[in-house]
Amino acid sequence: MRIQETESKKPVETTLTPAMSDLFLELLRHIGSGSAVTLVPIQEMLTTQQAADLLNVSRPYLIKLLKQEAMPHTPIGRHCRIQADDVFRYQAQRDGERSRTLDELISGDADLV
């Protein structure tokens, strides 16, 4: 892949691993289809609003989850910060539970047919 350095305007050769190439292509597909894309370093500490936005839930609902200790968080004064990695871990767990529940519902309906 050839890219241009912004400061010197000279082209630079960069070799991407297959995994990085796939990730980059997926990113470009999302951008090309008009989807909003956010890149978040996993070590980043997020505000409750940022975490709620990533999970596509309301901020009050996220705060309820934090009070139920659904994911680790760090209180800072009257506010909380959540590590992005913990948000992604919770999201994967939640999505897995949803998928299993859906599979159970589908298999239950198959018995009725």
Protein backbone atom coordinates (compact mmCIF):
# COMPACT_ATOMS: atom_id res chain seq x y z
CA MET A 1 0.00 0.00 0.00
CA ARG A 2 1.34 3.45 -0.87
CA ILE A 3 0.45 6.40 1.32
CA GLN A 4 1.71 9.95 1.41
CA GLU A 5 3.37 11.47 4.45
CA THR A 6 1.52 14.66 5.32
CA GLU A 7 4.58 16.71 6.25
CA SER A 8 7.03 15.82 3.48
CA LYS A 9 4.44 14.87 0.82
CA LYS A 10 6.66 11.89 -0.11
CA PRO A 11 5.02 8.52 -0.85
CA VAL A 12 5.85 5.81 1.69
CA GLU A 13 5.54 2.04 1.19
CA THR A 14 3.65 0.29 3.99
CA THR A 15 3.07 -3.46 4.25
CA LEU A 16 -0.12 -4.55 5.96
CA THR A 17 -0.68 -7.93 7.57
CA PRO A 18 -3.69 -9.85 6.23
CA ALA A 19 -5.61 -9.14 9.45
CA MET A 20 -4.84 -5.41 9.27
CA SER A 21 -5.74 -5.37 5.59
CA ASP A 22 -9.12 -7.02 6.34
CA LEU A 23 -9.77 -4.55 9.14
CA PHE A 24 -8.87 -1.61 6.92
CA LEU A 25 -11.16 -2.87 4.12
CA GLU A 26 -14.04 -3.37 6.58
CA LEU A 27 -13.50 0.17 7.86
CA LEU A 28 -13.60 1.52 4.30
CA ARG A 29 -16.80 -0.46 3.55
CA HIS A 30 -18.52 1.11 6.55
CA ILE A 31 -17.37 4.59 5.58
CA GLY A 32 -18.35 3.98 1.94
CA SER A 33 -21.85 2.92 2.94
CA GLY A 34 -22.29 6.14 4.93
CA SER A 35 -22.03 4.58 8.38
CA ALA A 36 -20.48 6.56 11.20
CA VAL A 37 -17.20 5.06 12.37
CA THR A 38 -15.46 5.65 15.69
CA LEU A 39 -11.98 4.39 16.54
CA VAL A 40 -11.42 3.98 20.27
CA PRO A 41 -8.16 2.80 21.85
CA ILE A 42 -9.00 -0.06 24.24
CA GLN A 43 -7.01 1.56 27.07
CA GLU A 44 -9.00 4.82 26.79
CA MET A 45 -11.04 5.89 29.80
CA LEU A 46 -14.52 6.87 28.61
CA THR A 47 -17.15 9.11 30.12
CA THR A 48 -20.53 7.56 30.85
CA GLN A 49 -21.96 9.34 27.79
CA GLN A 50 -19.23 7.98 25.50
CA ALA A 51 -19.73 4.45 26.86
CA ALA A 52 -23.52 4.75 26.50
CA ASP A 53 -23.08 5.89 22.90
CA LEU A 54 -20.85 2.89 22.12
CA LEU A 55 -23.41 0.52 23.62
CA ASN A 56 -26.30 2.36 21.96
CA VAL A 57 -28.09 2.80 25.29
CA SER A 58 -29.12 5.87 27.26
CA ARG A 59 -26.76 7.37 29.81
CA PRO A 60 -29.23 6.76 32.69
CA TYR A 61 -29.48 3.08 31.67
CA LEU A 62 -25.67 2.80 31.59
CA ILE A 63 -25.46 4.34 35.08
CA LYS A 64 -28.02 1.75 36.25
CA LEU A 65 -25.76 -0.99 34.80
CA LEU A 66 -22.76 0.47 36.65
CA LYS A 67 -24.72 0.50 39.92
CA GLN A 68 -25.55 -3.19 39.28
CA GLU A 69 -21.80 -3.76 38.75
CA ALA A 70 -22.36 -5.05 35.21
CA MET A 71 -18.92 -3.69 34.29
CA PRO A 72 -15.95 -2.23 36.16
CA HIS A 73 -15.74 1.55 36.44
CA THR A 74 -13.72 4.16 38.27
CA PRO A 75 -15.51 6.83 40.29
CA ILE A 76 -13.96 10.27 39.88
CA GLY A 77 -15.71 12.72 42.17
CA ARG A 78 -19.39 12.64 41.22
CA HIS A 79 -18.60 11.13 37.81
CA CYS A 80 -17.48 7.71 36.56
CA ARG A 81 -15.00 6.62 33.93
CA ILE A 82 -15.11 3.26 32.19
CA GLN A 83 -12.21 1.66 30.33
CA ALA A 84 -13.12 1.09 26.68
CA ASP A 85 -11.94 -2.53 26.90
CA ASP A 86 -14.48 -3.17 29.66
CA VAL A 87 -17.25 -1.61 27.55
CA PHE A 88 -16.33 -3.84 24.58
CA ARG A 89 -16.16 -6.91 26.85
CA TYR A 90 -19.62 -6.14 28.25
CA GLN A 91 -20.95 -5.57 24.73
CA ALA A 92 -19.60 -8.94 23.53
CA GLN A 93 -21.10 -10.69 26.58
CA ARG A 94 -24.46 -8.97 26.08
CA ASP A 95 -24.53 -9.81 22.38
CA GLY A 96 -23.62 -13.44 23.13
CA GLU A 97 -26.46 -13.73 25.64
CA ARG A 98 -28.89 -12.20 23.15
CA SER A 99 -27.77 -14.63 20.46
CA ARG A 100 -28.16 -17.65 22.76
CA THR A 101 -31.63 -16.50 23.85
CA LEU A 102 -32.66 -16.01 20.24
CA ASP A 103 -31.36 -19.47 19.33
CA GLU A 104 -33.42 -20.97 22.19
CA LEU A 105 -36.55 -19.15 21.00
CA ILE A 106 -36.01 -20.31 17.44
CA SER A 107 -35.44 -23.93 18.48
CA GLY A 108 -38.56 -23.78 20.70
CA ASP A 109 -40.63 -22.49 17.77
CA ALA A 110 -39.27 -25.26 15.51
CA ASP A 111 -40.83 -27.84 17.86
CA LEU A 112 -44.25 -26.22 17.35
CA VAL A 113 -44.16 -26.43 13.56
